[in-house]
Protein backbone atom coordinates (compact mmCIF):
# COMPACT_ATOMS: atom_id res chain seq x y z
CA UNK A 1 11.37 -45.34 77.10
CA UNK A 2 11.36 -41.66 76.14
CA UNK A 3 11.72 -39.11 78.91
CA UNK A 4 10.04 -35.72 78.93
CA UNK A 5 12.17 -32.71 79.77
CA UNK A 6 10.97 -29.38 81.07
CA UNK A 7 13.19 -26.55 79.88
CA UNK A 8 13.67 -23.73 82.38
CA UNK A 9 14.59 -20.26 81.03
CA UNK A 10 17.24 -19.74 83.67
CA UNK A 11 19.16 -22.79 82.47
CA UNK A 12 19.74 -21.66 78.89
CA UNK A 13 23.48 -21.23 79.46
CA UNK A 14 23.79 -24.72 80.96
CA UNK A 15 21.94 -26.19 77.99
CA UNK A 16 24.39 -24.54 75.57
CA UNK A 17 27.49 -25.64 77.49
CA UNK A 18 26.40 -29.24 78.22
CA UNK A 19 24.81 -30.14 74.90
CA UNK A 20 26.86 -28.06 72.54
CA UNK A 21 23.80 -26.49 70.90
CA UNK A 22 25.02 -23.08 69.76
CA UNK A 23 23.35 -20.24 67.85
CA UNK A 24 23.63 -20.59 64.12
CA UNK A 25 23.11 -24.34 64.06
CA UNK A 26 19.31 -23.96 63.82
CA UNK A 27 18.92 -26.80 66.28
CA UNK A 28 15.39 -27.19 67.68
CA UNK A 29 16.67 -27.59 71.24
CA UNK A 30 18.56 -24.32 71.13
CA UNK A 31 15.51 -22.56 69.60
CA UNK A 32 13.27 -23.91 72.37
CA UNK A 33 15.67 -22.82 75.11
CA UNK A 34 16.24 -19.38 73.56
CA UNK A 35 12.55 -18.63 73.16
CA UNK A 36 11.63 -19.94 76.60
CA UNK A 37 14.15 -17.48 77.97
CA UNK A 38 12.53 -14.67 75.96
CA UNK A 39 9.06 -15.73 77.08
CA UNK A 40 10.11 -15.77 80.72
CA UNK A 41 11.72 -12.32 80.49
CA UNK A 42 8.69 -10.78 78.73
CA UNK A 43 6.31 -12.37 81.24
CA UNK A 44 8.25 -11.08 84.26
CA UNK A 45 8.70 -7.59 82.80
CA UNK A 46 4.96 -7.21 82.17
CA UNK A 47 3.94 -8.81 85.47
CA UNK A 48 6.18 -6.47 87.52
CA UNK A 49 6.39 -3.28 85.47
CA UNK A 50 3.20 -2.81 83.43
CA UNK A 51 1.44 0.50 84.20
CA UNK A 52 -1.55 -1.29 85.77
CA UNK A 53 -1.59 -4.38 87.91
CA UNK A 54 -1.78 -7.59 85.87
CA UNK A 55 -3.25 -10.90 87.04
CA UNK A 56 -0.14 -13.11 86.58
CA UNK A 57 -2.08 -16.37 86.17
CA UNK A 58 -4.61 -15.05 83.67
CA UNK A 59 -1.86 -13.24 81.76
CA UNK A 60 0.18 -16.42 81.32
CA UNK A 61 -2.91 -18.49 80.48
CA UNK A 62 -3.77 -15.95 77.77
CA UNK A 63 -0.28 -16.49 76.38
CA UNK A 64 -0.76 -20.26 76.36
CA UNK A 65 -4.10 -19.88 74.58
CA UNK A 66 -2.52 -17.53 72.06
CA UNK A 67 0.25 -20.02 71.28
CA UNK A 68 -2.12 -22.94 70.85
CA UNK A 69 -4.54 -20.96 68.70
CA UNK A 70 -1.82 -20.75 66.02
CA UNK A 71 -1.94 -24.55 65.56
CA UNK A 72 -5.34 -26.24 65.22
CA UNK A 73 -8.62 -25.96 67.19
CA UNK A 74 -8.16 -29.41 68.75
CA UNK A 75 -4.89 -28.61 70.52
CA UNK A 76 -6.06 -26.98 73.74
CA UNK A 77 -5.02 -26.27 77.30
CA UNK A 78 -7.42 -27.78 79.85
CA UNK A 79 -7.33 -25.86 83.12
CA UNK A 80 -8.23 -27.13 86.57
CA UNK A 81 -11.82 -25.89 86.21
CA UNK A 82 -12.45 -28.14 83.23
CA UNK A 83 -10.36 -31.13 84.22
CA UNK A 84 -13.57 -33.03 84.99
CA UNK A 85 -14.39 -32.86 81.29
CA UNK A 86 -11.57 -35.34 80.62
CA UNK A 87 -13.43 -37.96 82.65
CA UNK A 88 -16.54 -37.25 80.59
CA UNK A 89 -14.62 -37.48 77.29
CA UNK A 90 -12.84 -40.72 78.18
CA UNK A 91 -15.18 -42.59 80.50
CA UNK A 92 -18.54 -41.03 79.65
CA UNK A 93 -19.43 -40.27 83.25
CA UNK A 94 -19.50 -37.36 85.67
CA UNK A 95 -21.04 -36.27 88.97
CA UNK A 96 -24.27 -34.43 88.25
CA UNK A 97 -28.06 -34.47 88.30
CA UNK A 98 -28.84 -35.76 84.79
CA UNK A 99 -29.75 -32.75 82.65
CA UNK A 100 -28.47 -31.12 79.48
CA UNK A 101 -28.85 -27.40 79.01
CA UNK A 102 -28.87 -25.04 76.03
CA UNK A 103 -29.84 -21.54 75.02
CA UNK A 104 -33.38 -20.97 73.82
CA UNK A 105 -33.49 -17.32 72.89
CA UNK A 106 -31.94 -15.51 75.87
CA UNK A 107 -32.85 -18.21 78.37
CA UNK A 108 -30.67 -20.96 79.82
CA UNK A 109 -33.03 -23.87 79.33
CA UNK A 110 -33.18 -27.58 80.18
CA UNK A 111 -33.20 -29.35 76.79
CA UNK A 112 -32.87 -32.95 77.98
CA UNK A 113 -33.70 -34.81 81.18
CA UNK A 114 -31.97 -38.19 81.49
CA UNK A 115 -33.90 -41.21 82.65
CA UNK A 116 -33.37 -42.41 86.21
CA UNK A 117 -31.41 -39.53 87.72
CA UNK A 118 -32.22 -36.95 90.39
CA UNK A 119 -33.51 -34.29 87.99
CA UNK A 120 -36.10 -36.63 86.48
CA UNK A 121 -37.09 -38.22 89.79
CA UNK A 122 -37.69 -34.86 91.43
CA UNK A 123 -39.62 -33.32 88.54
CA UNK A 124 -37.28 -31.17 86.44
CA UNK A 125 -38.81 -30.88 82.96
CA UNK A 126 -37.58 -30.11 79.46
CA UNK A 127 -38.22 -26.42 78.91
CA UNK A 128 -37.54 -25.35 82.50
CA UNK A 129 -35.54 -22.10 82.49
CA UNK A 130 -32.68 -22.12 85.02
CA UNK A 131 -32.40 -18.83 86.89
CA UNK A 132 -30.19 -19.95 89.81
CA UNK A 133 -27.69 -22.78 90.34
CA UNK A 134 -25.85 -23.33 93.60
CA UNK A 135 -26.87 -19.88 94.81
CA UNK A 136 -25.54 -18.09 91.70
CA UNK A 137 -27.84 -16.17 89.38
CA UNK A 138 -27.78 -17.68 85.87
CA UNK A 139 -28.11 -15.74 82.62
CA UNK A 140 -26.89 -15.91 79.05
CA UNK A 141 -23.73 -14.08 80.18
CA UNK A 142 -22.54 -16.86 82.48
CA UNK A 143 -23.99 -19.95 80.79
CA UNK A 144 -20.48 -21.46 80.71
CA UNK A 145 -20.48 -21.49 84.52
CA UNK A 146 -23.67 -23.55 84.82
CA UNK A 147 -21.93 -26.85 84.15
CA UNK A 148 -19.33 -26.37 86.90
CA UNK A 149 -22.04 -25.17 89.31
CA UNK A 150 -24.31 -28.16 88.73
CA UNK A 151 -21.63 -30.85 88.47
CA UNK A 152 -19.78 -32.05 91.55
CA UNK A 153 -18.95 -34.98 93.78
CA UNK A 154 -21.66 -37.69 93.88
CA UNK A 155 -23.56 -37.51 97.17
CA UNK A 156 -23.34 -33.72 97.47
CA UNK A 157 -26.34 -31.48 96.84
CA UNK A 158 -27.05 -28.54 94.57
CA UNK A 159 -30.05 -26.23 94.56
CA UNK A 160 -31.57 -25.32 91.21
CA UNK A 161 -34.18 -22.61 90.85
CA UNK A 162 -36.22 -22.71 87.63
CA UNK A 163 -39.18 -20.92 86.09
CA UNK A 164 -41.90 -22.81 84.22
CA UNK A 165 -45.21 -22.20 82.47
CA UNK A 166 -43.81 -19.38 80.33
CA UNK A 167 -42.03 -17.82 83.33
CA UNK A 168 -45.16 -17.71 85.51
CA UNK A 169 -44.16 -20.39 88.04
CA UNK A 170 -40.93 -20.38 90.07
CA UNK A 171 -39.77 -23.70 91.53
CA UNK A 172 -36.80 -24.70 93.68
CA UNK A 173 -35.21 -28.17 93.62
CA UNK A 174 -32.62 -29.51 96.05
CA UNK A 175 -30.95 -32.23 93.98
CA UNK A 176 -28.48 -34.89 95.10
CA UNK A 177 -25.64 -35.35 92.65
CA UNK A 178 -25.02 -38.87 91.38
CA UNK A 179 -22.56 -40.54 89.04
CA UNK A 180 -24.20 -39.89 85.70
CA UNK A 181 -23.23 -42.35 82.98
CA UNK A 182 -23.70 -41.09 79.44
CA UNK A 183 -25.17 -43.74 77.17
CA UNK A 184 -23.27 -44.24 73.95
CA UNK A 185 -26.06 -46.32 72.40
CA UNK A 186 -28.96 -43.91 72.83
CA UNK A 187 -31.46 -46.12 70.98
CA UNK A 188 -31.66 -49.66 69.64
CA UNK A 189 -34.43 -51.95 68.51
CA UNK A 190 -36.11 -53.65 65.60
CA UNK A 191 -37.47 -51.11 63.14
CA UNK A 192 -39.97 -51.55 61.63
CA UNK A 193 -41.12 -53.48 64.69
CA UNK A 194 -42.23 -56.60 62.82
CA UNK A 195 -39.09 -56.80 60.66
CA UNK A 196 -35.64 -58.34 61.03
CA UNK A 197 -33.94 -54.96 60.64
CA UNK A 198 -32.16 -53.46 63.62
CA UNK A 199 -31.72 -49.73 64.10
CA UNK A 200 -28.84 -48.63 66.37
CA UNK A 201 -28.12 -45.00 67.25
CA UNK A 202 -24.56 -44.46 68.54
CA UNK A 203 -24.06 -40.94 69.89
CA UNK A 204 -20.56 -41.09 71.46
CA UNK A 205 -17.34 -43.10 71.55
CA UNK A 206 -16.50 -43.07 75.25
CA UNK A 207 -14.92 -46.03 77.04
CA UNK A 208 -18.07 -48.20 77.17
CA UNK A 209 -19.24 -47.72 73.55
CA UNK A 210 -17.88 -51.00 72.16
CA UNK A 211 -19.29 -53.06 75.04
CA UNK A 212 -22.67 -51.36 74.62
CA UNK A 213 -22.72 -52.21 70.90
CA UNK A 214 -21.80 -55.83 71.64
CA UNK A 215 -24.46 -56.20 74.34
CA UNK A 216 -27.09 -54.46 72.20
CA UNK A 217 -26.60 -56.80 69.24
CA UNK A 218 -26.39 -59.86 71.49
CA UNK A 219 -29.68 -58.95 73.22
CA UNK A 220 -31.45 -58.28 69.92
CA UNK A 221 -30.21 -61.57 68.42
CA UNK A 222 -31.74 -63.38 71.38
CA UNK A 223 -35.14 -61.86 70.53
CA UNK A 224 -35.10 -62.95 66.87
CA UNK A 225 -32.70 -63.28 63.92
CA UNK A 226 -31.05 -60.05 62.80
CA UNK A 227 -31.31 -59.73 59.01
CA UNK A 228 -29.94 -56.21 58.52
CA UNK A 229 -28.67 -53.21 60.48
CA UNK A 230 -29.04 -49.46 60.09
CA UNK A 231 -26.14 -48.04 62.12
CA UNK A 232 -26.72 -44.35 62.79
CA UNK A 233 -23.60 -42.20 63.32
CA UNK A 234 -25.23 -38.92 62.34
CA UNK A 235 -24.25 -36.10 64.67
CA UNK A 236 -21.75 -38.32 66.50
CA UNK A 237 -18.71 -36.09 67.18
CA UNK A 238 -16.39 -39.01 67.91
CA UNK A 239 -14.30 -39.91 70.93
CA UNK A 240 -11.58 -42.45 71.71
CA UNK A 241 -9.51 -43.96 68.89
CA UNK A 242 -9.17 -47.39 70.51
CA UNK A 243 -12.94 -47.59 71.02
CA UNK A 244 -13.54 -46.80 67.34
CA UNK A 245 -11.24 -49.71 66.52
CA UNK A 246 -13.13 -51.98 68.95
CA UNK A 247 -16.47 -51.01 67.36
CA UNK A 248 -15.11 -51.95 63.91
CA UNK A 249 -14.08 -55.28 65.45
CA UNK A 250 -17.76 -56.15 65.83
CA UNK A 251 -18.38 -56.00 62.07
CA UNK A 252 -15.10 -56.70 60.23
CA UNK A 253 -13.40 -60.04 59.69
CA UNK A 254 -10.46 -60.84 61.95
CA UNK A 255 -7.07 -59.37 60.91
CA UNK A 256 -8.49 -56.69 58.61
CA UNK A 257 -6.79 -53.30 58.81
CA UNK A 258 -9.03 -50.79 60.59
CA UNK A 259 -6.95 -47.62 60.64
CA UNK A 260 -3.37 -46.42 60.66
CA UNK A 261 -1.92 -43.36 62.36
CA UNK A 262 1.17 -41.37 61.48
CA UNK A 263 2.87 -38.62 63.46
CA UNK A 264 5.61 -36.22 62.51
CA UNK A 265 7.67 -38.80 60.59
CA UNK A 266 7.07 -42.16 58.92
CA UNK A 267 8.71 -44.11 61.75
CA UNK A 268 5.78 -43.25 64.03
CA UNK A 269 3.25 -45.09 61.86
CA UNK A 270 1.02 -47.56 63.72
CA UNK A 271 -1.44 -49.96 62.14
CA UNK A 272 -4.49 -51.27 63.96
CA UNK A 273 -6.21 -54.50 62.90
CA UNK A 274 -9.43 -56.19 63.93
CA UNK A 275 -8.63 -58.90 66.47
CA UNK A 276 -12.01 -60.56 67.08
CA UNK A 277 -14.42 -62.60 65.03
CA UNK A 278 -17.35 -60.36 64.07
CA UNK A 279 -20.56 -60.73 66.05
CA UNK A 280 -22.55 -60.18 62.86
CA UNK A 281 -21.90 -62.35 59.80
CA UNK A 282 -21.34 -61.03 56.28
CA UNK A 283 -24.82 -62.21 55.28
CA UNK A 284 -26.27 -59.37 57.39
CA UNK A 285 -26.44 -56.17 55.36
CA UNK A 286 -25.31 -52.96 57.06
CA UNK A 287 -25.99 -49.34 56.19
CA UNK A 288 -24.10 -46.64 58.08
CA UNK A 289 -25.75 -43.22 58.27
CA UNK A 290 -23.48 -40.16 58.37
CA UNK A 291 -23.81 -36.40 58.01
CA UNK A 292 -21.79 -33.22 58.55
CA UNK A 293 -21.90 -33.80 62.31
CA UNK A 294 -20.21 -37.23 62.06
CA UNK A 295 -16.56 -36.68 62.97
CA UNK A 296 -13.34 -38.30 64.16
CA UNK A 297 -14.08 -41.78 65.55
CA UNK A 298 -17.34 -41.86 63.55
CA UNK A 299 -15.32 -41.32 60.40
CA UNK A 300 -12.83 -44.03 61.37
CA UNK A 301 -15.69 -46.53 61.63
CA UNK A 302 -17.44 -45.36 58.46
CA UNK A 303 -14.14 -45.30 56.55
CA UNK A 304 -13.11 -48.81 57.62
CA UNK A 305 -16.49 -50.35 56.80
CA UNK A 306 -16.54 -48.52 53.47
CA UNK A 307 -13.00 -49.48 52.45
CA UNK A 308 -13.66 -53.15 53.20
CA UNK A 309 -17.08 -53.02 51.49
CA UNK A 310 -18.72 -54.19 54.71
CA UNK A 311 -21.41 -51.50 54.69
CA UNK A 312 -23.09 -49.02 52.42
CA UNK A 313 -22.48 -45.47 53.64
CA UNK A 314 -25.60 -43.31 53.24
CA UNK A 315 -26.38 -39.68 53.99
CA UNK A 316 -24.24 -36.61 53.40
CA UNK A 317 -20.50 -36.01 53.59
CA UNK A 318 -19.01 -36.28 57.08
CA UNK A 319 -17.21 -33.50 58.96
CA UNK A 320 -13.64 -34.29 57.91
CA UNK A 321 -11.58 -34.58 61.12
CA UNK A 322 -8.63 -36.85 60.45
CA UNK A 323 -6.46 -35.77 63.37
CA UNK A 324 -5.62 -37.74 66.52
CA UNK A 325 -5.23 -36.05 69.92
CA UNK A 326 -3.36 -37.20 73.01
CA UNK A 327 -4.12 -35.85 76.50
CA UNK A 328 -0.97 -35.18 78.53
CA UNK A 329 -1.35 -34.41 82.27
CA UNK A 330 0.50 -31.27 83.39
CA UNK A 331 1.16 -29.82 86.82
CA UNK A 332 -1.43 -28.10 89.03
CA UNK A 333 -4.27 -30.37 87.91
CA UNK A 334 -4.16 -29.15 84.31
CA UNK A 335 -3.74 -31.02 81.03
CA UNK A 336 -2.76 -30.44 77.42
CA UNK A 337 -4.76 -31.99 74.60
CA UNK A 338 -2.43 -32.02 71.63
CA UNK A 339 -2.72 -33.24 68.05
CA UNK A 340 -0.05 -35.92 67.73
CA UNK A 341 -0.95 -37.78 64.53
CA UNK A 342 -3.15 -38.03 61.47
CA UNK A 343 -5.20 -41.14 60.81
CA UNK A 344 -5.68 -42.96 57.53
CA UNK A 345 -8.44 -45.35 56.47
CA UNK A 346 -7.48 -48.88 55.32
CA UNK A 347 -7.01 -47.70 51.72
CA UNK A 348 -4.54 -45.08 52.97
CA UNK A 349 -6.69 -41.99 52.56
CA UNK A 350 -6.74 -39.04 54.91
CA UNK A 351 -10.16 -37.48 55.24
CA UNK A 352 -8.94 -34.31 57.01
CA UNK A 353 -10.91 -31.40 55.56
CA UNK A 354 -8.85 -28.39 56.67
CA UNK A 355 -5.08 -28.17 56.23
CA UNK A 356 -4.03 -26.05 59.20
CA UNK A 357 -0.48 -25.75 57.86
CA UNK A 358 -1.67 -23.87 54.77
CA UNK A 359 -0.66 -20.21 55.03
CA UNK A 360 0.99 -20.82 58.42
CA UNK A 361 4.55 -19.67 59.03
CA UNK A 362 4.56 -21.62 62.30
CA UNK A 363 3.65 -25.13 61.15
CA UNK A 364 6.25 -26.62 58.85
CA UNK A 365 5.14 -29.58 56.74
CA UNK A 366 8.11 -31.62 55.59
CA UNK A 367 6.19 -33.51 52.92
CA UNK A 368 2.79 -32.66 51.52
CA UNK A 369 0.35 -35.45 50.78
CA UNK A 370 -0.13 -35.95 47.08
CA UNK A 371 -3.45 -36.54 45.40
CA UNK A 372 -3.99 -40.25 44.89
CA UNK A 373 -6.71 -42.60 43.76
CA UNK A 374 -8.09 -45.00 46.36
CA UNK A 375 -10.07 -48.20 45.82
CA UNK A 376 -11.95 -50.47 48.20
CA UNK A 377 -11.52 -54.25 48.42
CA UNK A 378 -14.17 -54.57 45.68
CA UNK A 379 -12.39 -52.00 43.49
CA UNK A 380 -14.85 -49.17 44.15
CA UNK A 381 -13.25 -45.74 44.03
CA UNK A 382 -13.38 -43.78 47.28
CA UNK A 383 -12.10 -40.31 48.01
CA UNK A 384 -9.68 -38.60 50.39
CA UNK A 385 -9.94 -35.22 52.10
CA UNK A 386 -13.07 -33.34 52.98
CA UNK A 387 -14.68 -36.13 55.01
CA UNK A 388 -16.18 -39.51 54.11
CA UNK A 389 -18.18 -39.29 50.89
CA UNK A 390 -21.31 -41.48 51.09
CA UNK A 391 -21.85 -44.34 48.63
CA UNK A 392 -25.32 -42.94 48.13
CA UNK A 393 -26.16 -39.35 49.01
CA UNK A 394 -29.53 -38.74 50.62
CA UNK A 395 -30.04 -35.31 52.13
CA UNK A 396 -32.35 -34.56 55.01
CA UNK A 397 -33.55 -30.99 54.69
CA UNK A 398 -36.33 -28.72 55.84
CA UNK A 399 -38.06 -27.32 52.77
CA UNK A 400 -40.26 -24.56 54.14
CA UNK A 401 -38.82 -21.14 54.97
CA UNK A 402 -41.71 -20.85 57.42
CA UNK A 403 -40.66 -24.09 59.17
CA UNK A 404 -37.08 -22.86 59.40
CA UNK A 405 -38.18 -19.58 60.98
CA UNK A 406 -40.42 -21.37 63.49
CA UNK A 407 -37.44 -23.57 64.44
CA UNK A 408 -35.07 -20.62 64.67
CA UNK A 409 -37.42 -18.80 67.03
CA UNK A 410 -37.88 -21.90 69.18
CA UNK A 411 -41.65 -21.90 68.71
CA UNK A 412 -42.01 -25.68 68.38
CA UNK A 413 -40.04 -26.05 71.62
CA UNK A 414 -42.12 -23.42 73.42
CA UNK A 415 -45.42 -24.80 72.14
CA UNK A 416 -44.51 -28.28 73.40
CA UNK A 417 -43.69 -26.86 76.84
CA UNK A 418 -47.00 -25.02 76.94
CA UNK A 419 -49.03 -27.96 75.66
CA UNK A 420 -47.48 -30.46 78.05
CA UNK A 421 -47.90 -28.14 81.02
CA UNK A 422 -51.61 -27.78 80.27
CA UNK A 423 -52.18 -31.43 79.29
CA UNK A 424 -49.84 -33.51 81.48
CA UNK A 425 -52.18 -36.52 81.69
CA UNK A 426 -52.88 -36.82 77.97
CA UNK A 427 -51.66 -40.04 76.36
CA UNK A 428 -49.23 -39.34 73.56
CA UNK A 429 -50.72 -42.11 71.41
CA UNK A 430 -54.11 -40.36 71.52
CA UNK A 431 -52.88 -36.99 70.19
CA UNK A 432 -54.74 -35.97 67.03
CA UNK A 433 -52.68 -34.41 64.23
CA UNK A 434 -55.34 -31.98 62.99
CA UNK A 435 -56.18 -30.86 66.51
CA UNK A 436 -52.49 -30.32 67.29
CA UNK A 437 -52.01 -28.38 64.07
CA UNK A 438 -54.96 -26.12 64.84
CA UNK A 439 -53.80 -25.51 68.41
CA UNK A 440 -50.32 -24.69 67.16
CA UNK A 441 -51.79 -22.08 64.82
CA UNK A 442 -53.72 -20.56 67.74
CA UNK A 443 -50.54 -20.54 69.85
CA UNK A 444 -48.69 -18.62 67.12
CA UNK A 445 -51.47 -16.01 67.14
CA UNK A 446 -51.26 -15.67 70.92
CA UNK A 447 -47.49 -15.24 70.63
CA UNK A 448 -48.10 -12.55 68.00
CA UNK A 449 -45.84 -14.36 65.57
CA UNK A 450 -45.50 -12.40 62.34
CA UNK A 451 -44.16 -14.21 59.29
CA UNK A 452 -42.58 -12.15 56.54
CA UNK A 453 -41.50 -14.38 53.67
CA UNK A 454 -38.32 -13.87 51.68
CA UNK A 455 -40.50 -13.05 48.68
CA UNK A 456 -42.18 -10.21 50.60
CA UNK A 457 -38.81 -8.86 51.72
CA UNK A 458 -37.58 -8.80 48.12
CA UNK A 459 -40.81 -7.13 46.90
CA UNK A 460 -40.45 -4.45 49.59
CA UNK A 461 -36.88 -3.79 48.47
CA UNK A 462 -38.05 -3.45 44.85
CA UNK A 463 -40.82 -1.06 45.91
CA UNK A 464 -38.28 1.15 47.69
CA UNK A 465 -36.07 1.08 44.60
CA UNK A 466 -38.98 2.13 42.37
CA UNK A 467 -40.05 5.11 44.47
CA UNK A 468 -39.78 7.48 41.49
CA UNK A 469 -41.30 5.08 38.95
CA UNK A 470 -45.01 5.15 39.76
CA UNK A 471 -46.19 2.60 37.18
CA UNK A 472 -43.67 -0.05 38.25
CA UNK A 473 -44.30 0.74 41.93
CA UNK A 474 -48.07 0.26 41.51
CA UNK A 475 -47.52 -3.13 39.83
CA UNK A 476 -45.26 -4.21 42.68
CA UNK A 477 -47.86 -3.07 45.25
CA UNK A 478 -50.45 -5.24 43.48
CA UNK A 479 -48.10 -8.23 43.68
CA UNK A 480 -47.55 -7.53 47.38
CA UNK A 481 -51.30 -7.36 47.91
CA UNK A 482 -51.65 -10.76 46.20
CA UNK A 483 -49.18 -12.17 48.73
CA UNK A 484 -51.56 -11.54 51.62
CA UNK A 485 -52.50 -14.79 53.23
CA UNK A 486 -49.12 -16.35 52.32
CA UNK A 487 -48.61 -17.43 55.94
CA UNK A 488 -51.81 -19.49 55.92
CA UNK A 489 -50.92 -20.95 52.52
CA UNK A 490 -47.42 -21.96 53.65
CA UNK A 491 -48.81 -23.46 56.84
CA UNK A 492 -50.87 -25.79 54.66
CA UNK A 493 -48.10 -26.45 52.11
CA UNK A 494 -45.62 -27.46 54.82
CA UNK A 495 -48.16 -28.96 57.18
CA UNK A 496 -46.47 -32.38 57.27
CA UNK A 497 -43.03 -31.10 58.22
CA UNK A 498 -44.55 -28.68 60.74
CA UNK A 499 -46.45 -31.57 62.32
CA UNK A 500 -43.26 -33.64 62.32
CA UNK A 501 -41.48 -30.98 64.41
CA UNK A 502 -44.47 -30.59 66.76
CA UNK A 503 -44.74 -34.34 67.33
CA UNK A 504 -40.99 -34.71 67.83
CA UNK A 505 -40.98 -32.11 70.62
CA UNK A 506 -44.11 -33.51 72.25
CA UNK A 507 -42.71 -37.06 72.13
CA UNK A 508 -39.69 -35.80 74.10
CA UNK A 509 -42.02 -34.36 76.77
CA UNK A 510 -44.36 -37.35 77.08
CA UNK A 511 -42.05 -40.28 76.23
CA UNK A 512 -38.47 -39.08 76.79
CA UNK A 513 -35.43 -39.33 74.50
CA UNK A 514 -36.28 -42.81 73.21
CA UNK A 515 -39.81 -41.69 72.44
CA UNK A 516 -38.50 -38.73 70.46
CA UNK A 517 -36.24 -41.02 68.41
CA UNK A 518 -39.07 -43.48 67.74
CA UNK A 519 -41.27 -40.64 66.53
CA UNK A 520 -38.55 -39.32 64.23
CA UNK A 521 -37.87 -42.76 62.74
CA UNK A 522 -41.27 -42.86 61.09
CA UNK A 523 -40.57 -39.84 58.86
CA UNK A 524 -36.78 -39.87 58.51
CA UNK A 525 -36.08 -39.94 54.76
CA UNK A 526 -32.52 -41.22 55.24
CA UNK A 527 -33.63 -44.16 57.38
CA UNK A 528 -36.56 -44.98 55.08
CA UNK A 529 -34.20 -44.94 52.07
CA UNK A 530 -31.77 -47.21 53.95
CA UNK A 531 -34.59 -49.68 54.62
CA UNK A 532 -35.53 -49.70 50.93
CA UNK A 533 -31.93 -50.48 49.92
CA UNK A 534 -31.58 -53.24 52.52
CA UNK A 535 -34.85 -54.77 51.31
CA UNK A 536 -33.50 -54.92 47.75
CA UNK A 537 -30.45 -57.21 47.75
CA UNK A 538 -29.58 -56.39 44.15
CA UNK A 539 -29.42 -52.66 44.87
CA UNK A 540 -27.37 -53.25 48.04
CA UNK A 541 -24.90 -55.53 46.24
CA UNK A 542 -24.60 -53.17 43.31
CA UNK A 543 -23.66 -50.28 45.61
CA UNK A 544 -20.90 -52.46 47.09
CA UNK A 545 -19.86 -53.85 43.69
CA UNK A 546 -20.64 -57.39 44.82
CA UNK A 547 -21.28 -59.98 42.09
CA UNK A 548 -21.67 -57.26 39.49
CA UNK A 549 -20.22 -58.18 36.10
C-alpha cells in the first residue's frame, strides 16, 4: 500500500540528510522539497511585508489556481464552498429545490423545473427571473453564488423572490429543500409509439446511471419486444469511469475489453472487461448518437461499442476528452481533482483532442504516442485523437440566419413565457401551428425586433466604400431597396424551423422536460436518419461490415 507524504518547507534539511537527495542529482524529491521551501518563503514574505495588507487565504488559493492552470483544465482545486459539487458529480444528488438556472440576456432565469420537487409543487415556472435568493440580491454579477444560496441541507428552507410576466409581477416563495436526485436517463420509450424501436436519452454518468439503464430496458421489454435501440449520448458531458464500464456491460458480450487506462508509466495500465451477460441480444440493432457535447464517459461507451461493432455511431464528432481524473480529499474540507491517466478504447486508440504537453515546459512527456492504424473486430478502420468519429455523419444545424438571431436574443424563450402566462389552461395538443406562427410575428413587432441580414450589412459596407463612386453607389442603393421585406420572406422560408423552436419551448412549459423531448423527436434529423438505418438491415449491416463480401 502506497503512503502519501506531505513535504513541509521547514524540513528540507532533514530530507537531504535522511534520504541522501543532494543538489545536482536532479532527483524529483529534492526538487519538490527545494521548491516547497521557496514557495513557503515567498508566501510568508508577501503575506507579512507587502506594501498593502494581503488576504493570506485568497493569496495562497490564487497560487494554487495558478499552478494548476499550467497543466490541464480538468485538474482543479475544489474549495470548501464547492465541496457539495463532488456529491453531485459522483452520486447525482444534492440538497435543493429542483430548479436549473441560466442567463437569458442579463437576467438570472429559471430554465428548468424538475418534476416532483418543491419548486414545481409551489409554482416556480420556467422563465421566472430570480432577483433574490436567501435574502441576497441576485444579478448577472453574482450568478455563481446562486447555487450555494439555493442549495443546502434537506429540510431547511430558502426564500426565492422572482419576477414574472415580463417583469410585471413579483412573487415570493418559501421553499423547503429536499434531496434532489438527478435523473441520468432523462427520457425513454418506444418511438415511434407503435414500433419496436426504443429511444433512450442518457444525460449523465453519475452513480445510478447503469442501474437506470438496466431498469429502463427491463421495463420496456416487459411492455413488448425490443427490436432496436437509439441510444442518445448527445450533449452528455460524461461522469464516472466505472459507471461507463457498467453501461457497456449491458450491451457487450461477457469478457470483452471495454477500456484501458494508463498513467505516467506502462506499469500503471489497467484493463476493464465486461463481466455480465448483455441484457440486449446481438439481434437487436443499436445506434448511438453523439455530437461535440459528448465527452469522457460518453466517449468510452461510444468507443467500446464502435470497436466491437456492437453499434453504429451516428451524428458528429465527439468532444475528445480522453483523460481520467481522480478526486483526492485534502484538509479543511477541500479536494483536488487531478488527471491521473489517459484512457484507450478496445482497439488501443486515444481520442484525446488537445495535447496539453505541447509547447509546455512544465509537462514532460517521456514517450509520445505514434500515429497508428486501428481496426474494429470486423476490420473497419477507426481513428484516434480528436474525439470519436461517427460511422455515419449526420449534422443537425439551424439553416436560417434569422432563426439563429431569434435564438441568440432569447425570443423563442420569451415568447413561450408570455404565451403560457396568458394561456395557462390551453391544451398543448390543441395548439395550431399557423396561429402560433402569426402570434409569434405579432410578438416580435411588439418587442420592436429589427432584423438586419448579413446581406444587408455587407451591402451597407459596400455603399460606404463607394461614397465617391456615384454610379456604383446608386446601383448598390437599388439592391438595398430590393432587399426590403427580407424579414417577412425569411420568416416564410424558415417557417418550419421557427415553428420547431416555438413548439419546443411551449412543450417545456405545458408538458415539462419529457414533453419537450417528445416534441423534438418528431423533427430531429439525426434520430429520423437513425430510424431509417435501423429499418434497413442491409444498410445497418453494411455500416458495421457484417456479412459483406
